[in-house]
Every structure is written in structure tokens, then in C-alpha cells.
C-alpha atoms as a PDB file:
ATOM      1  CA  UNK A   1       0.000   0.000   0.000  1.00  0.00           C
ATOM      2  CA  UNK A   2       1.316   3.403  -0.928  1.00  0.00           C
ATOM      3  CA  UNK A   3       2.046   5.565   2.118  1.00  0.00           C
ATOM      4  CA  UNK A   4       0.438   8.564   0.419  1.00  0.00           C
ATOM      5  CA  UNK A   5      -2.921   6.776   0.393  1.00  0.00           C
ATOM      6  CA  UNK A   6      -2.843   5.915   4.101  1.00  0.00           C
ATOM      7  CA  UNK A   7      -4.257   7.959   6.931  1.00  0.00           C
ATOM      8  CA  UNK A   8      -1.736   9.451   9.322  1.00  0.00           C
ATOM      9  CA  UNK A   9      -2.421   6.829  12.034  1.00  0.00           C
ATOM     10  CA  UNK A  10      -1.942   3.962   9.574  1.00  0.00           C
ATOM     11  CA  UNK A  11       1.179   5.585   8.135  1.00  0.00           C
ATOM     12  CA  UNK A  12       2.623   6.090  11.618  1.00  0.00           C
ATOM     13  CA  UNK A  13       1.847   2.485  12.587  1.00  0.00           C
ATOM     14  CA  UNK A  14       3.516   1.170   9.417  1.00  0.00           C
ATOM     15  CA  UNK A  15       6.615   3.280  10.018  1.00  0.00           C
ATOM     16  CA  UNK A  16       6.693   2.071  13.623  1.00  0.00           C
ATOM     17  CA  UNK A  17       6.437  -1.522  12.363  1.00  0.00           C
ATOM     18  CA  UNK A  18       9.323  -0.985   9.934  1.00  0.00           C
ATOM     19  CA  UNK A  19      11.522   0.556  12.624  1.00  0.00           C
ATOM     20  CA  UNK A  20      10.598  -2.225  15.045  1.00  0.00           C
ATOM     21  CA  UNK A  21      11.277  -4.946  12.491  1.00  0.00           C
ATOM     22  CA  UNK A  22      14.671  -3.455  11.724  1.00  0.00           C
ATOM     23  CA  UNK A  23      15.490  -3.246  15.438  1.00  0.00           C
ATOM     24  CA  UNK A  24      14.311  -6.822  16.021  1.00  0.00           C
ATOM     25  CA  UNK A  25      16.358  -8.226  13.137  1.00  0.00           C
ATOM     26  CA  UNK A  26      19.449  -6.288  14.264  1.00  0.00           C
ATOM     27  CA  UNK A  27      19.068  -7.521  17.858  1.00  0.00           C
ATOM     28  CA  UNK A  28      18.579 -11.091  16.645  1.00  0.00           C
ATOM     29  CA  UNK A  29      21.642 -10.826  14.397  1.00  0.00           C
ATOM     30  CA  UNK A  30      23.703  -9.909  17.466  1.00  0.00           C
ATOM     31  CA  UNK A  31      22.588 -13.231  18.977  1.00  0.00           C
ATOM     32  CA  UNK A  32      23.605 -15.185  15.880  1.00  0.00           C
ATOM     33  CA  UNK A  33      20.019 -15.476  14.608  1.00  0.00           C
ATOM     34  CA  UNK A  34      19.209 -14.701  10.980  1.00  0.00           C
ATOM     35  CA  UNK A  35      15.741 -13.330  10.259  1.00  0.00           C
ATOM     36  CA  UNK A  36      13.782 -11.874   7.357  1.00  0.00           C
ATOM     37  CA  UNK A  37      10.515  -9.949   7.333  1.00  0.00           C
ATOM     38  CA  UNK A  38       7.638 -11.704   5.611  1.00  0.00           C
ATOM     39  CA  UNK A  39       3.886 -11.242   5.297  1.00  0.00           C
ATOM     40  CA  UNK A  40       2.088  -7.956   4.765  1.00  0.00           C
ATOM     41  CA  UNK A  41       4.984  -5.755   5.882  1.00  0.00           C
ATOM     42  CA  UNK A  42       7.341  -7.351   3.346  1.00  0.00           C
ATOM     43  CA  UNK A  43       4.730  -7.096   0.585  1.00  0.00           C
ATOM     44  CA  UNK A  44       3.935  -3.445   1.280  1.00  0.00           C
ATOM     45  CA  UNK A  45       0.386  -4.237   2.408  1.00  0.00           C
ATOM     46  CA  UNK A  46       0.722  -3.580   6.128  1.00  0.00           C
ATOM     47  CA  UNK A  47      -2.603  -2.253   7.376  1.00  0.00           C
ATOM     48  CA  UNK A  48      -4.312  -1.170  10.584  1.00  0.00           C
ATOM     49  CA  UNK A  49      -4.851  -4.757  11.764  1.00  0.00           C
ATOM     50  CA  UNK A  50      -1.643  -6.322  10.439  1.00  0.00           C
ATOM     51  CA  UNK A  51       1.011  -7.928  12.543  1.00  0.00           C
ATOM     52  CA  UNK A  52       4.750  -8.102  11.919  1.00  0.00           C
ATOM     53  CA  UNK A  53       5.856 -11.509  10.619  1.00  0.00           C
ATOM     54  CA  UNK A  54       9.474 -12.550  11.034  1.00  0.00           C
ATOM     55  CA  UNK A  55      10.929 -15.606   9.328  1.00  0.00           C
ATOM     56  CA  UNK A  56      13.804 -17.130  11.280  1.00  0.00           C
ATOM     57  CA  UNK A  57      16.124 -18.681   8.698  1.00  0.00           C
ATOM     58  CA  UNK A  58      19.027 -19.675  10.965  1.00  0.00           C
ATOM     59  CA  UNK A  59      19.169 -19.981  14.713  1.00  0.00           C
ATOM     60  CA  UNK A  60      21.592 -21.516  17.190  1.00  0.00           C
ATOM     61  CA  UNK A  61      19.594 -24.048  19.185  1.00  0.00           C
ATOM     62  CA  UNK A  62      20.526 -22.309  22.434  1.00  0.00           C
ATOM     63  CA  UNK A  63      18.860 -19.071  21.272  1.00  0.00           C
ATOM     64  CA  UNK A  64      15.520 -20.454  20.117  1.00  0.00           C
ATOM     65  CA  UNK A  65      13.699 -19.617  23.339  1.00  0.00           C
ATOM     66  CA  UNK A  66      14.988 -16.044  23.594  1.00  0.00           C
ATOM     67  CA  UNK A  67      13.844 -14.957  20.149  1.00  0.00           C
ATOM     68  CA  UNK A  68      10.269 -14.013  20.967  1.00  0.00           C
ATOM     69  CA  UNK A  69      11.203 -11.848  23.954  1.00  0.00           C
ATOM     70  CA  UNK A  70      13.798 -10.004  21.843  1.00  0.00           C
ATOM     71  CA  UNK A  71      11.214  -9.402  19.111  1.00  0.00           C
ATOM     72  CA  UNK A  72       8.560  -8.325  21.610  1.00  0.00           C
ATOM     73  CA  UNK A  73      10.924  -5.756  23.141  1.00  0.00           C
ATOM     74  CA  UNK A  74      11.930  -4.387  19.727  1.00  0.00           C
ATOM     75  CA  UNK A  75       8.354  -4.064  18.457  1.00  0.00           C
ATOM     76  CA  UNK A  76       7.119  -2.183  21.498  1.00  0.00           C
ATOM     77  CA  UNK A  77       3.650  -3.662  21.689  1.00  0.00           C
ATOM     78  CA  UNK A  78       2.917  -4.287  18.011  1.00  0.00           C
ATOM     79  CA  UNK A  79       1.515  -7.776  17.414  1.00  0.00           C
ATOM     80  CA  UNK A  80       3.875 -10.228  15.741  1.00  0.00           C
ATOM     81  CA  UNK A  81       4.414 -13.799  14.625  1.00  0.00           C
ATOM     82  CA  UNK A  82       7.722 -15.615  14.579  1.00  0.00           C
ATOM     83  CA  UNK A  83       7.952 -18.340  11.936  1.00  0.00           C
ATOM     84  CA  UNK A  84      10.815 -20.830  11.934  1.00  0.00           C
ATOM     85  CA  UNK A  85      11.922 -21.911   8.474  1.00  0.00           C
ATOM     86  CA  UNK A  86      12.973 -25.325   9.766  1.00  0.00           C
ATOM     87  CA  UNK A  87       9.412 -25.947  11.015  1.00  0.00           C
ATOM     88  CA  UNK A  88       7.704 -25.141   7.697  1.00  0.00           C
ATOM     89  CA  UNK A  89       6.853 -28.197   5.587  1.00  0.00           C
ATOM     90  CA  UNK A  90       9.329 -28.571   2.734  1.00  0.00           C
ATOM     91  CA  UNK A  91       6.766 -27.955  -0.002  1.00  0.00           C
ATOM     92  CA  UNK A  92       5.918 -24.511   1.486  1.00  0.00           C
ATOM     93  CA  UNK A  93       9.412 -23.204   2.277  1.00  0.00           C
ATOM     94  CA  UNK A  94      10.051 -21.674  -1.133  1.00  0.00           C
ATOM     95  CA  UNK A  95       6.817 -19.680  -0.836  1.00  0.00           C
ATOM     96  CA  UNK A  96       7.876 -18.200   2.513  1.00  0.00           C
ATOM     97  CA  UNK A  97      11.406 -17.378   1.400  1.00  0.00           C
ATOM     98  CA  UNK A  98      10.262 -15.858  -1.905  1.00  0.00           C
ATOM     99  CA  UNK A  99       7.890 -13.516  -0.091  1.00  0.00           C
ATOM    100  CA  UNK A 100      10.428 -12.430   2.533  1.00  0.00           C
ATOM    101  CA  UNK A 101      12.480  -9.238   2.620  1.00  0.00           C
ATOM    102  CA  UNK A 102      15.552  -7.948   4.362  1.00  0.00           C
ATOM    103  CA  UNK A 103      14.379  -5.512   7.049  1.00  0.00           C
ATOM    104  CA  UNK A 104      16.824  -2.900   5.726  1.00  0.00           C
ATOM    105  CA  UNK A 105      14.978  -2.879   2.398  1.00  0.00           C
ATOM    106  CA  UNK A 106      11.549  -2.049   3.832  1.00  0.00           C
ATOM    107  CA  UNK A 107      10.049   1.276   2.752  1.00  0.00           C
END
């Protein structure tokens, strides 16, 4: 969705989601976790009721249970889902990866 066509509240929420996603991915990277943004935020369709979807593509086993608290802190109250690539059935993985984006590329 084009930011020019959004109301100011929706635009502010989307920008907050982008900043939060970037912060979450950066914090996860510091822990050795690799993550991409997927879903509506990655596709440019983030709306008033959207959540932030993060696709975990690589994760040290010892960090798996800290991921959600790191993401929750970075997103500051925005709803989110954490999806683990290794838990997605093989026939659906390509779909998730193809629709994912690097958080730094979000606009």
C-alpha cells in the first residue's frame, strides 16, 4: 500500500512496524540469529490490523527460546508472529522465502 494513500495513524503504525522490524532483526543478528521480514509488511500491504511476521532462517539451538522476547521488546507492543523456516513443511518453504524481505529494504 502506498504511504500517500494511508491515513496518518496507519502511516505512523507502518513506520513504527518498519523501525521495530529493523530493530528486532538487528538484535537477533547480534545473537547469531538470521531473520527476514515476511507477510504484509514485506509485501507493502501492512494495514491497521496487520502484525509483523518474522521468518527465522538460521538460529543456534541455544537461542531459540529467547527470540520471541527479543522481538517483543523491539516491536514495542505491536503484534507479531515468529515463523521458523525449519518448522515449515518442505513444499511450502520456497513460498515463505520468496515472499520475505531484508528488514533494511523495507520502505
